[in-house]
Each structure stands twice: as structure tokens, then as C-alpha cells.
């Protein structure tokens, strides 16, 4: 594995115990310049994971608590009249940070959720007719509670499609939970974290991802997966072109993390559940991401 990324993952695993794969997928999503959705029950470490990555990457971090009374202006900012200059002055909202945690995003109304759409897709926001760029890098981590819980507003498909990956943390195993109970307070550990990957190095790695080689055969395999999702009777709708691009970028990032310079089918398969499951509406009643994409992996042969 890439040495700097290996150190980053090892350090993050000392705070988020027993969740090596979700941590690795989160870093992969960041390297691919995507946005991450973490869906799980309260109290399993979703917010702590976001804060851990921000500290280790030395990113300007801001948390937005999404509630039912949140307004779009609370996210993107607004113009306020300045009596000294007798003019309106724009006050940037919390979206103008390198890492934004949209905490419990599905507890806000669709109107507030939509404030993130332009920012996540185009890395800019338009307020009162003026377009303002967002910082680089720019990364949104959103957490949401299961739809079965009280007071949630399900994210529409257009919003879900803006997230490159959706992951779950789940409950820790017995060993990790015992270490958590007997170990130091997680908040204290967060305050003691040192930067593992400075921001300029992160930007350099993101640029390297774009130059990872993909063979024609690999593109054939990726296209076959996309086509199968659209033609299969297991799904109500297939993967979009945006999803296809996201899958390719995520596979390249996973390849870079593995220390290789050319994507192989196993890279695509490693990220497929996180990239595709939240975009596919399955009629099979699949409970998890792995089960949702299992028909694709089963029916599409590796070239």
C-alpha cells in the first residue's frame, strides 16, 4: 500500500476501532474527489470518523447540524446590510470549508437538503445571482439515520446520486467494543491526533488518481456492469453515466491505495457495493450493499 496512506489508515483505526474497511472506503472516496454518505444508527461513530479524517488531513472542518427548521441560507450564507458602508455584504455559510459534515442530513426538509446540490456537483454556490467557488479540496460527509426512525425526510434520488459512496459502520465486534470500553475517551484521542497527510500532499494524490491507467478490457468490464444494471430485472432503474464515472474514479483511487498504477477488475469489485447500492432500487429485498450488487458480480464475467 502507498506508505503515506498506510500511515493515515493505521492512525484512523486507533480512534475508530474495528472498522478498517469503512475507513479505507472513506479515504478512497476522498482521493476520488467524491462525497460520502454514512447511514447507520446513532452512536456508532459516524461523526467521530468525519472529525478524525479532518484532523489527520489538516482540513478546514465545519459541522452543520441538519434539523427540520434549517434554511438554505444557513448552509450557503446570505447578504446582510452593513450600516457603515450602506451596502449589503455577503457572509459565507459553513459550506465554505474544505470538509463539511452534514450531520443527520435526513432530519432536515428537502428544501434545506437541496442547498448542497450545486456545491457537491460543481464545487461552487450561487447566491443572489453571484457564483462563488468553494475551497480545494472540498469534501462533504453526510450522516443519516435509518428511514425507520422518527422524524426523517428520505433523500431523493437526485441527492443520493451526488454521493459517490454510501457506507455503514455497524456495531463493533466484541474485541473492538471491549477495547473501546477500557480505553481512552475518543474525544481526547481526537485532540491528540497529528496530521498524517498534509493538504498539499492530498491534492497531489488526487491528481495522481486521474492518471491511473485503465485498459480497454477494464473499461469493457465496467460498461458491462453498468449495462447489466440497466437491463436486469433485479432493479427498477439502472446506474447513470454519473455513477459509471464515479465507479471508474473510485476504482482508480482504490488502485492507487494498493500501490499499483493500473486498475484491475478486483479494484472495481472492491468499491462497487459502496458506489452502486444506494443508486439501485432493488426488487429482491436485499438488505445490504453487498447483497444489492451481488447479481451484477454474478452475471457479469471478468474479461
C-alpha atoms as a PDB file:
ATOM      1  CA  UNK A   1       0.000   0.000   0.000  1.00  0.00           C
ATOM      2  CA  UNK A   2       1.022   3.608  -0.548  1.00  0.00           C
ATOM      3  CA  UNK A   3       3.164   4.415   2.558  1.00  0.00           C
ATOM      4  CA  UNK A   4       1.537   7.757   3.424  1.00  0.00           C
ATOM      5  CA  UNK A   5      -1.934   6.335   3.043  1.00  0.00           C
ATOM      6  CA  UNK A   6      -0.986   3.280   5.098  1.00  0.00           C
ATOM      7  CA  UNK A   7       0.042   5.533   7.983  1.00  0.00           C
ATOM      8  CA  UNK A   8      -3.174   7.535   7.632  1.00  0.00           C
ATOM      9  CA  UNK A   9      -5.331   4.398   7.803  1.00  0.00           C
ATOM     10  CA  UNK A  10      -3.416   2.954  10.747  1.00  0.00           C
ATOM     11  CA  UNK A  11      -3.789   6.153  12.752  1.00  0.00           C
ATOM     12  CA  UNK A  12      -7.502   6.468  11.977  1.00  0.00           C
ATOM     13  CA  UNK A  13      -8.008   2.855  13.119  1.00  0.00           C
ATOM     14  CA  UNK A  14      -6.696   3.735  16.581  1.00  0.00           C
ATOM     15  CA  UNK A  15      -9.701   6.069  17.010  1.00  0.00           C
ATOM     16  CA  UNK A  16     -12.393   4.194  15.060  1.00  0.00           C
ATOM     17  CA  UNK A  17     -11.854   0.662  16.331  1.00  0.00           C
ATOM     18  CA  UNK A  18     -12.510  -2.431  14.259  1.00  0.00           C
ATOM     19  CA  UNK A  19     -13.707  -0.537  11.168  1.00  0.00           C
ATOM     20  CA  UNK A  20     -10.747  -0.817   8.814  1.00  0.00           C
ATOM     21  CA  UNK A  21     -12.781  -1.309   5.633  1.00  0.00           C
ATOM     22  CA  UNK A  22     -15.198   1.632   6.177  1.00  0.00           C
ATOM     23  CA  UNK A  23     -12.204   3.850   6.950  1.00  0.00           C
ATOM     24  CA  UNK A  24     -10.448   2.676   3.811  1.00  0.00           C
ATOM     25  CA  UNK A  25     -13.525   3.313   1.680  1.00  0.00           C
ATOM     26  CA  UNK A  26     -13.827   6.804   3.173  1.00  0.00           C
ATOM     27  CA  UNK A  27     -10.243   7.663   2.222  1.00  0.00           C
ATOM     28  CA  UNK A  28     -10.795   6.144  -1.226  1.00  0.00           C
ATOM     29  CA  UNK A  29     -13.851   8.368  -1.690  1.00  0.00           C
ATOM     30  CA  UNK A  30     -11.823  11.444  -0.749  1.00  0.00           C
ATOM     31  CA  UNK A  31      -8.995  10.538  -3.149  1.00  0.00           C
ATOM     32  CA  UNK A  32     -11.565  10.143  -5.932  1.00  0.00           C
ATOM     33  CA  UNK A  33     -12.848  13.669  -5.170  1.00  0.00           C
ATOM     34  CA  UNK A  34     -16.267  12.312  -4.235  1.00  0.00           C
ATOM     35  CA  UNK A  35     -18.653  12.831  -1.344  1.00  0.00           C
ATOM     36  CA  UNK A  36     -19.518  10.283   1.318  1.00  0.00           C
ATOM     37  CA  UNK A  37     -22.840   9.271   2.887  1.00  0.00           C
ATOM     38  CA  UNK A  38     -22.707   7.278   6.130  1.00  0.00           C
ATOM     39  CA  UNK A  39     -26.003   5.646   7.034  1.00  0.00           C
ATOM     40  CA  UNK A  40     -26.348   3.922  10.395  1.00  0.00           C
ATOM     41  CA  UNK A  41     -27.999   4.042  13.780  1.00  0.00           C
ATOM     42  CA  UNK A  42     -26.933   6.794  16.223  1.00  0.00           C
ATOM     43  CA  UNK A  43     -23.888   6.235  18.368  1.00  0.00           C
ATOM     44  CA  UNK A  44     -21.658   4.040  16.194  1.00  0.00           C
ATOM     45  CA  UNK A  45     -19.024   6.682  15.390  1.00  0.00           C
ATOM     46  CA  UNK A  46     -20.206   8.405  12.193  1.00  0.00           C
ATOM     47  CA  UNK A  47     -19.365  11.914  13.383  1.00  0.00           C
ATOM     48  CA  UNK A  48     -16.136  10.758  15.016  1.00  0.00           C
ATOM     49  CA  UNK A  49     -14.965   9.267  11.714  1.00  0.00           C
ATOM     50  CA  UNK A  50     -15.515  12.577   9.899  1.00  0.00           C
ATOM     51  CA  UNK A  51     -13.692  14.527  12.598  1.00  0.00           C
ATOM     52  CA  UNK A  52     -10.830  12.026  12.612  1.00  0.00           C
ATOM     53  CA  UNK A  53     -10.256  12.353   8.867  1.00  0.00           C
ATOM     54  CA  UNK A  54     -10.388  16.153   9.062  1.00  0.00           C
ATOM     55  CA  UNK A  55      -7.720  16.195  11.783  1.00  0.00           C
ATOM     56  CA  UNK A  56      -5.427  13.692  10.060  1.00  0.00           C
ATOM     57  CA  UNK A  57      -5.675  15.534   6.730  1.00  0.00           C
ATOM     58  CA  UNK A  58      -5.412  19.030   8.254  1.00  0.00           C
ATOM     59  CA  UNK A  59      -8.603  20.129   6.539  1.00  0.00           C
ATOM     60  CA  UNK A  60     -10.672  23.156   7.480  1.00  0.00           C
ATOM     61  CA  UNK A  61     -13.623  21.394   9.123  1.00  0.00           C
ATOM     62  CA  UNK A  62     -17.182  22.560   9.765  1.00  0.00           C
ATOM     63  CA  UNK A  63     -20.171  20.680  11.081  1.00  0.00           C
ATOM     64  CA  UNK A  64     -23.748  21.557  10.110  1.00  0.00           C
ATOM     65  CA  UNK A  65     -26.460  20.060  12.291  1.00  0.00           C
ATOM     66  CA  UNK A  66     -29.399  19.426   9.974  1.00  0.00           C
ATOM     67  CA  UNK A  67     -32.760  19.989  11.660  1.00  0.00           C
ATOM     68  CA  UNK A  68     -36.319  20.472  10.440  1.00  0.00           C
ATOM     69  CA  UNK A  69     -36.065  24.281  10.700  1.00  0.00           C
ATOM     70  CA  UNK A  70     -32.738  24.612   8.841  1.00  0.00           C
ATOM     71  CA  UNK A  71     -32.863  27.011   5.858  1.00  0.00           C
ATOM     72  CA  UNK A  72     -30.693  27.012   2.709  1.00  0.00           C
ATOM     73  CA  UNK A  73     -29.184  30.336   3.796  1.00  0.00           C
ATOM     74  CA  UNK A  74     -27.959  28.637   6.980  1.00  0.00           C
ATOM     75  CA  UNK A  75     -25.839  26.413   4.736  1.00  0.00           C
ATOM     76  CA  UNK A  76     -24.604  28.628   1.888  1.00  0.00           C
ATOM     77  CA  UNK A  77     -24.711  32.038   3.586  1.00  0.00           C
ATOM     78  CA  UNK A  78     -26.541  35.294   2.901  1.00  0.00           C
ATOM     79  CA  UNK A  79     -26.053  39.021   2.350  1.00  0.00           C
ATOM     80  CA  UNK A  80     -26.524  41.289   5.363  1.00  0.00           C
ATOM     81  CA  UNK A  81     -26.888  45.054   5.222  1.00  0.00           C
ATOM     82  CA  UNK A  82     -23.860  46.898   6.606  1.00  0.00           C
ATOM     83  CA  UNK A  83     -24.881  50.254   8.069  1.00  0.00           C
ATOM     84  CA  UNK A  84     -21.295  51.571   7.953  1.00  0.00           C
ATOM     85  CA  UNK A  85     -20.847  51.074   4.203  1.00  0.00           C
ATOM     86  CA  UNK A  86     -24.571  51.335   3.423  1.00  0.00           C
ATOM     87  CA  UNK A  87     -24.377  48.233   1.292  1.00  0.00           C
ATOM     88  CA  UNK A  88     -25.039  44.528   1.508  1.00  0.00           C
ATOM     89  CA  UNK A  89     -22.099  42.312   2.440  1.00  0.00           C
ATOM     90  CA  UNK A  90     -22.041  38.576   1.838  1.00  0.00           C
ATOM     91  CA  UNK A  91     -21.434  36.397   4.889  1.00  0.00           C
ATOM     92  CA  UNK A  92     -20.270  32.940   3.793  1.00  0.00           C
ATOM     93  CA  UNK A  93     -22.075  29.983   5.291  1.00  0.00           C
ATOM     94  CA  UNK A  94     -20.453  26.837   6.696  1.00  0.00           C
ATOM     95  CA  UNK A  95     -20.357  25.276   3.218  1.00  0.00           C
ATOM     96  CA  UNK A  96     -17.209  27.349   2.537  1.00  0.00           C
ATOM     97  CA  UNK A  97     -14.901  24.869   4.272  1.00  0.00           C
ATOM     98  CA  UNK A  98     -12.735  22.057   2.922  1.00  0.00           C
ATOM     99  CA  UNK A  99     -14.572  19.340   4.838  1.00  0.00           C
ATOM    100  CA  UNK A 100     -18.228  19.795   5.680  1.00  0.00           C
ATOM    101  CA  UNK A 101     -20.088  17.361   7.916  1.00  0.00           C
ATOM    102  CA  UNK A 102     -23.816  17.406   7.122  1.00  0.00           C
ATOM    103  CA  UNK A 103     -24.880  15.704  10.328  1.00  0.00           C
ATOM    104  CA  UNK A 104     -28.210  13.827  10.243  1.00  0.00           C
ATOM    105  CA  UNK A 105     -28.955  15.220   6.800  1.00  0.00           C
ATOM    106  CA  UNK A 106     -32.279  13.404   6.534  1.00  0.00           C
ATOM    107  CA  UNK A 107     -33.671  15.208   9.586  1.00  0.00           C
ATOM    108  CA  UNK A 108     -33.952  18.396   7.511  1.00  0.00           C
ATOM    109  CA  UNK A 109     -36.554  19.214   4.875  1.00  0.00           C
ATOM    110  CA  UNK A 110     -35.897  18.697   1.151  1.00  0.00           C
ATOM    111  CA  UNK A 111     -35.540  22.475   0.793  1.00  0.00           C
ATOM    112  CA  UNK A 112     -32.523  22.519   3.130  1.00  0.00           C
ATOM    113  CA  UNK A 113     -31.102  19.328   1.626  1.00  0.00           C
ATOM    114  CA  UNK A 114     -31.167  20.919  -1.836  1.00  0.00           C
ATOM    115  CA  UNK A 115     -28.754  23.639  -0.662  1.00  0.00           C
ATOM    116  CA  UNK A 116     -25.959  21.082  -1.096  1.00  0.00           C
ATOM    117  CA  UNK A 117     -26.778  20.043  -4.675  1.00  0.00           C
ATOM    118  CA  UNK A 118     -24.804  22.679  -6.592  1.00  0.00           C
ATOM    119  CA  UNK A 119     -21.936  22.627  -4.097  1.00  0.00           C
ATOM    120  CA  UNK A 120     -21.478  18.863  -4.337  1.00  0.00           C
ATOM    121  CA  UNK A 121     -21.726  18.662  -8.118  1.00  0.00           C
ATOM    122  CA  UNK A 122     -19.960  21.841  -9.288  1.00  0.00           C
ATOM    123  CA  UNK A 123     -17.932  22.825  -6.201  1.00  0.00           C
ATOM    124  CA  UNK A 124     -19.461  26.280  -6.222  1.00  0.00           C
ATOM    125  CA  UNK A 125     -22.547  28.002  -4.867  1.00  0.00           C
ATOM    126  CA  UNK A 126     -24.729  30.656  -6.445  1.00  0.00           C
ATOM    127  CA  UNK A 127     -26.228  33.161  -4.036  1.00  0.00           C
ATOM    128  CA  UNK A 128     -28.301  36.127  -5.196  1.00  0.00           C
ATOM    129  CA  UNK A 129     -27.103  35.709  -8.763  1.00  0.00           C
ATOM    130  CA  UNK A 130     -23.385  35.580  -7.957  1.00  0.00           C
ATOM    131  CA  UNK A 131     -21.364  32.366  -8.228  1.00  0.00           C
ATOM    132  CA  UNK A 132     -18.705  31.770  -5.621  1.00  0.00           C
ATOM    133  CA  UNK A 133     -16.126  28.934  -5.807  1.00  0.00           C
ATOM    134  CA  UNK A 134     -15.578  26.582  -2.897  1.00  0.00           C
ATOM    135  CA  UNK A 135     -12.145  25.734  -1.461  1.00  0.00           C
ATOM    136  CA  UNK A 136      -9.999  22.896  -2.754  1.00  0.00           C
ATOM    137  CA  UNK A 137     -10.152  20.183  -1.703  1.00  0.00           C
ATOM    138  CA  UNK A 138     -13.877  20.141  -0.956  1.00  0.00           C
ATOM    139  CA  UNK A 139     -15.429  17.097   0.647  1.00  0.00           C
ATOM    140  CA  UNK A 140     -18.928  16.551   2.072  1.00  0.00           C
ATOM    141  CA  UNK A 141     -19.522  13.789   4.582  1.00  0.00           C
ATOM    142  CA  UNK A 142     -23.206  13.375   5.375  1.00  0.00           C
ATOM    143  CA  UNK A 143     -24.612  11.145   8.080  1.00  0.00           C
ATOM    144  CA  UNK A 144     -28.168   9.912   8.152  1.00  0.00           C
ATOM    145  CA  UNK A 145     -30.264   7.751  10.397  1.00  0.00           C
ATOM    146  CA  UNK A 146     -32.250   4.793   9.042  1.00  0.00           C
ATOM    147  CA  UNK A 147     -35.577   5.790   7.487  1.00  0.00           C
ATOM    148  CA  UNK A 148     -37.404   3.680  10.050  1.00  0.00           C
ATOM    149  CA  UNK A 149     -36.533   6.189  12.769  1.00  0.00           C
ATOM    150  CA  UNK A 150     -38.865   9.035  13.702  1.00  0.00           C
ATOM    151  CA  UNK A 151     -38.525  12.465  12.070  1.00  0.00           C
ATOM    152  CA  UNK A 152     -36.628  11.647   8.886  1.00  0.00           C
ATOM    153  CA  UNK A 153     -37.082  13.004   5.348  1.00  0.00           C
ATOM    154  CA  UNK A 154     -35.754  10.476   2.811  1.00  0.00           C
ATOM    155  CA  UNK A 155     -33.152  11.855   0.408  1.00  0.00           C
ATOM    156  CA  UNK A 156     -34.437  11.996  -3.192  1.00  0.00           C
ATOM    157  CA  UNK A 157     -32.614  10.058  -5.898  1.00  0.00           C
ATOM    158  CA  UNK A 158     -31.066  13.256  -7.289  1.00  0.00           C
ATOM    159  CA  UNK A 159     -29.437  13.955  -3.918  1.00  0.00           C
ATOM    160  CA  UNK A 160     -28.332  10.360  -3.372  1.00  0.00           C
ATOM    161  CA  UNK A 161     -26.669  10.344  -6.787  1.00  0.00           C
ATOM    162  CA  UNK A 162     -24.422  13.243  -5.692  1.00  0.00           C
ATOM    163  CA  UNK A 163     -22.743  10.949  -3.155  1.00  0.00           C
ATOM    164  CA  UNK A 164     -20.001   8.859  -4.687  1.00  0.00           C
ATOM    165  CA  UNK A 165     -20.249   6.296  -1.884  1.00  0.00           C
ATOM    166  CA  UNK A 166     -22.589   5.212   0.857  1.00  0.00           C
ATOM    167  CA  UNK A 167     -21.194   3.106   3.682  1.00  0.00           C
ATOM    168  CA  UNK A 168     -22.311   1.704   7.022  1.00  0.00           C
ATOM    169  CA  UNK A 169     -20.216   1.351  10.165  1.00  0.00           C
ATOM    170  CA  UNK A 170     -22.284  -1.162  12.087  1.00  0.00           C
ATOM    171  CA  UNK A 171     -21.747  -2.284  15.652  1.00  0.00           C
ATOM    172  CA  UNK A 172     -18.181  -3.131  16.722  1.00  0.00           C
ATOM    173  CA  UNK A 173     -17.199  -6.723  17.330  1.00  0.00           C
ATOM    174  CA  UNK A 174     -16.621  -7.933  20.892  1.00  0.00           C
ATOM    175  CA  UNK A 175     -12.853  -7.319  20.847  1.00  0.00           C
ATOM    176  CA  UNK A 176     -13.139  -3.767  19.499  1.00  0.00           C
ATOM    177  CA  UNK A 177     -16.000  -2.910  21.860  1.00  0.00           C
ATOM    178  CA  UNK A 178     -14.039  -4.153  24.864  1.00  0.00           C
ATOM    179  CA  UNK A 179     -11.052  -2.039  23.809  1.00  0.00           C
ATOM    180  CA  UNK A 180     -13.427   0.911  23.432  1.00  0.00           C
ATOM    181  CA  UNK A 181     -14.861   0.403  26.930  1.00  0.00           C
ATOM    182  CA  UNK A 182     -11.467   0.028  28.602  1.00  0.00           C
ATOM    183  CA  UNK A 183      -9.543   2.558  26.511  1.00  0.00           C
ATOM    184  CA  UNK A 184      -9.228   6.323  26.401  1.00  0.00           C
ATOM    185  CA  UNK A 185     -12.047   8.708  25.625  1.00  0.00           C
ATOM    186  CA  UNK A 186     -12.412   9.120  21.842  1.00  0.00           C
ATOM    187  CA  UNK A 187     -12.682  12.910  22.065  1.00  0.00           C
ATOM    188  CA  UNK A 188      -9.385  13.085  23.907  1.00  0.00           C
ATOM    189  CA  UNK A 189      -7.756  10.941  21.239  1.00  0.00           C
ATOM    190  CA  UNK A 190      -9.112  13.276  18.566  1.00  0.00           C
ATOM    191  CA  UNK A 191      -7.464  16.268  20.197  1.00  0.00           C
ATOM    192  CA  UNK A 192      -4.114  14.455  20.248  1.00  0.00           C
ATOM    193  CA  UNK A 193      -4.086  13.416  16.587  1.00  0.00           C
ATOM    194  CA  UNK A 194      -1.284  14.722  14.404  1.00  0.00           C
ATOM    195  CA  UNK A 195      -1.517  15.400  10.698  1.00  0.00           C
ATOM    196  CA  UNK A 196      -0.713  12.267   8.681  1.00  0.00           C
ATOM    197  CA  UNK A 197      -1.271  13.654   5.182  1.00  0.00           C
ATOM    198  CA  UNK A 198      -0.940  17.430   4.660  1.00  0.00           C
ATOM    199  CA  UNK A 199      -3.412  19.120   2.357  1.00  0.00           C
ATOM    200  CA  UNK A 200      -0.893  19.739  -0.454  1.00  0.00           C
ATOM    201  CA  UNK A 201       0.019  16.034  -0.467  1.00  0.00           C
ATOM    202  CA  UNK A 202      -3.659  15.127  -0.587  1.00  0.00           C
ATOM    203  CA  UNK A 203      -4.175  17.345  -3.635  1.00  0.00           C
ATOM    204  CA  UNK A 204      -1.168  15.707  -5.263  1.00  0.00           C
ATOM    205  CA  UNK A 205      -2.590  12.227  -4.658  1.00  0.00           C
ATOM    206  CA  UNK A 206      -5.972  13.299  -6.045  1.00  0.00           C
ATOM    207  CA  UNK A 207      -4.169  14.425  -9.189  1.00  0.00           C
ATOM    208  CA  UNK A 208      -2.339  11.092  -9.390  1.00  0.00           C
ATOM    209  CA  UNK A 209      -5.642   9.227  -9.307  1.00  0.00           C
ATOM    210  CA  UNK A 210      -6.672  10.820 -12.592  1.00  0.00           C
ATOM    211  CA  UNK A 211      -3.548   9.402 -14.288  1.00  0.00           C
ATOM    212  CA  UNK A 212      -4.003   5.788 -13.164  1.00  0.00           C
ATOM    213  CA  UNK A 213      -4.070   3.571 -16.256  1.00  0.00           C
ATOM    214  CA  UNK A 214      -7.252   1.775 -17.330  1.00  0.00           C
ATOM    215  CA  UNK A 215      -7.041  -0.759 -20.137  1.00  0.00           C
ATOM    216  CA  UNK A 216      -9.732  -1.145 -22.833  1.00  0.00           C
ATOM    217  CA  UNK A 217     -10.631  -4.538 -21.319  1.00  0.00           C
ATOM    218  CA  UNK A 218     -11.199  -2.926 -17.935  1.00  0.00           C
ATOM    219  CA  UNK A 219     -13.483  -0.301 -19.483  1.00  0.00           C
ATOM    220  CA  UNK A 220     -15.356  -3.138 -21.227  1.00  0.00           C
ATOM    221  CA  UNK A 221     -15.911  -4.792 -17.829  1.00  0.00           C
ATOM    222  CA  UNK A 222     -17.109  -1.563 -16.247  1.00  0.00           C
ATOM    223  CA  UNK A 223     -19.503  -0.884 -19.124  1.00  0.00           C
ATOM    224  CA  UNK A 224     -20.824  -4.438 -18.877  1.00  0.00           C
ATOM    225  CA  UNK A 225     -21.634  -3.868 -15.189  1.00  0.00           C
ATOM    226  CA  UNK A 226     -23.445  -0.627 -15.989  1.00  0.00           C
ATOM    227  CA  UNK A 227     -25.364  -2.232 -18.857  1.00  0.00           C
ATOM    228  CA  UNK A 228     -26.340  -5.206 -16.713  1.00  0.00           C
ATOM    229  CA  UNK A 229     -27.748  -2.878 -14.041  1.00  0.00           C
ATOM    230  CA  UNK A 230     -29.959  -1.228 -16.666  1.00  0.00           C
ATOM    231  CA  UNK A 231     -31.164  -4.456 -18.272  1.00  0.00           C
ATOM    232  CA  UNK A 232     -31.507  -6.642 -15.188  1.00  0.00           C
ATOM    233  CA  UNK A 233     -34.961  -7.401 -13.820  1.00  0.00           C
ATOM    234  CA  UNK A 234     -33.478  -7.218 -10.306  1.00  0.00           C
ATOM    235  CA  UNK A 235     -33.510  -3.405 -10.348  1.00  0.00           C
ATOM    236  CA  UNK A 236     -36.172  -0.797 -11.010  1.00  0.00           C
ATOM    237  CA  UNK A 237     -33.600   1.553 -12.520  1.00  0.00           C
ATOM    238  CA  UNK A 238     -30.002   1.183 -13.662  1.00  0.00           C
ATOM    239  CA  UNK A 239     -26.810   3.102 -12.957  1.00  0.00           C
ATOM    240  CA  UNK A 240     -26.470   6.558 -14.526  1.00  0.00           C
ATOM    241  CA  UNK A 241     -23.489   7.892 -16.506  1.00  0.00           C
ATOM    242  CA  UNK A 242     -22.530   9.840 -13.360  1.00  0.00           C
ATOM    243  CA  UNK A 243     -22.459   6.553 -11.466  1.00  0.00           C
ATOM    244  CA  UNK A 244     -20.285   4.994 -14.184  1.00  0.00           C
ATOM    245  CA  UNK A 245     -17.773   7.835 -13.904  1.00  0.00           C
ATOM    246  CA  UNK A 246     -17.866   7.590 -10.133  1.00  0.00           C
ATOM    247  CA  UNK A 247     -17.209   3.856 -10.248  1.00  0.00           C
ATOM    248  CA  UNK A 248     -14.210   4.402 -12.517  1.00  0.00           C
ATOM    249  CA  UNK A 249     -12.752   7.159 -10.325  1.00  0.00           C
ATOM    250  CA  UNK A 250     -13.284   5.123  -7.162  1.00  0.00           C
ATOM    251  CA  UNK A 251     -11.599   2.069  -8.731  1.00  0.00           C
ATOM    252  CA  UNK A 252      -8.628   4.255  -9.714  1.00  0.00           C
ATOM    253  CA  UNK A 253      -8.367   5.601  -6.155  1.00  0.00           C
ATOM    254  CA  UNK A 254      -8.527   2.071  -4.726  1.00  0.00           C
ATOM    255  CA  UNK A 255      -5.794   1.041  -7.171  1.00  0.00           C
ATOM    256  CA  UNK A 256      -3.588   3.938  -6.005  1.00  0.00           C
ATOM    257  CA  UNK A 257      -4.119   2.931  -2.379  1.00  0.00           C
ATOM    258  CA  UNK A 258      -2.965  -0.572  -3.294  1.00  0.00           C
ATOM    259  CA  UNK A 259       0.258   0.893  -4.674  1.00  0.00           C
ATOM    260  CA  UNK A 260      -0.400  -0.032  -8.308  1.00  0.00           C
ATOM    261  CA  UNK A 261      -0.544   2.105 -11.452  1.00  0.00           C
ATOM    262  CA  UNK A 262      -3.170   0.180 -13.454  1.00  0.00           C
ATOM    263  CA  UNK A 263      -6.735  -0.727 -12.488  1.00  0.00           C
ATOM    264  CA  UNK A 264      -7.694  -4.408 -12.337  1.00  0.00           C
ATOM    265  CA  UNK A 265     -11.227  -5.888 -12.087  1.00  0.00           C
ATOM    266  CA  UNK A 266     -10.742  -6.560  -8.372  1.00  0.00           C
ATOM    267  CA  UNK A 267     -10.464  -2.795  -7.789  1.00  0.00           C
ATOM    268  CA  UNK A 268     -13.851  -2.275  -9.423  1.00  0.00           C
ATOM    269  CA  UNK A 269     -15.377  -5.103  -7.394  1.00  0.00           C
ATOM    270  CA  UNK A 270     -13.940  -3.706  -4.140  1.00  0.00           C
ATOM    271  CA  UNK A 271     -15.719  -0.358  -4.488  1.00  0.00           C
ATOM    272  CA  UNK A 272     -18.853  -1.466  -6.367  1.00  0.00           C
ATOM    273  CA  UNK A 273     -21.085  -2.066  -3.285  1.00  0.00           C
ATOM    274  CA  UNK A 274     -20.323   1.366  -1.818  1.00  0.00           C
ATOM    275  CA  UNK A 275     -20.703   3.161  -5.165  1.00  0.00           C
ATOM    276  CA  UNK A 276     -23.710   1.374  -6.645  1.00  0.00           C
ATOM    277  CA  UNK A 277     -26.001   0.074  -3.887  1.00  0.00           C
ATOM    278  CA  UNK A 278     -27.591   3.428  -2.934  1.00  0.00           C
ATOM    279  CA  UNK A 279     -28.278   4.183  -6.606  1.00  0.00           C
ATOM    280  CA  UNK A 280     -30.045   0.910  -7.341  1.00  0.00           C
ATOM    281  CA  UNK A 281     -33.612   0.246  -6.262  1.00  0.00           C
ATOM    282  CA  UNK A 282     -33.813  -3.488  -5.888  1.00  0.00           C
ATOM    283  CA  UNK A 283     -36.972  -5.594  -6.076  1.00  0.00           C
ATOM    284  CA  UNK A 284     -35.220  -8.534  -4.434  1.00  0.00           C
ATOM    285  CA  UNK A 285     -35.430  -7.161  -0.893  1.00  0.00           C
ATOM    286  CA  UNK A 286     -31.629  -7.094  -0.500  1.00  0.00           C
ATOM    287  CA  UNK A 287     -30.712  -5.970   2.993  1.00  0.00           C
ATOM    288  CA  UNK A 288     -27.191  -4.656   2.459  1.00  0.00           C
ATOM    289  CA  UNK A 289     -24.865  -3.169  -0.138  1.00  0.00           C
ATOM    290  CA  UNK A 290     -23.113  -6.459  -0.870  1.00  0.00           C
ATOM    291  CA  UNK A 291     -26.428  -8.245  -1.428  1.00  0.00           C
ATOM    292  CA  UNK A 292     -27.721  -5.423  -3.648  1.00  0.00           C
ATOM    293  CA  UNK A 293     -24.840  -5.694  -6.137  1.00  0.00           C
ATOM    294  CA  UNK A 294     -24.447  -9.474  -5.945  1.00  0.00           C
ATOM    295  CA  UNK A 295     -26.477 -10.029  -9.171  1.00  0.00           C
ATOM    296  CA  UNK A 296     -24.086  -7.743 -11.052  1.00  0.00           C
ATOM    297  CA  UNK A 297     -20.983  -9.547  -9.826  1.00  0.00           C
ATOM    298  CA  UNK A 298     -22.624 -12.910 -10.521  1.00  0.00           C
ATOM    299  CA  UNK A 299     -23.941 -12.199 -14.009  1.00  0.00           C
ATOM    300  CA  UNK A 300     -21.087 -10.154 -15.483  1.00  0.00           C
ATOM    301  CA  UNK A 301     -17.970 -12.226 -16.238  1.00  0.00           C
ATOM    302  CA  UNK A 302     -14.498 -10.788 -15.755  1.00  0.00           C
ATOM    303  CA  UNK A 303     -12.854 -10.321 -19.174  1.00  0.00           C
END
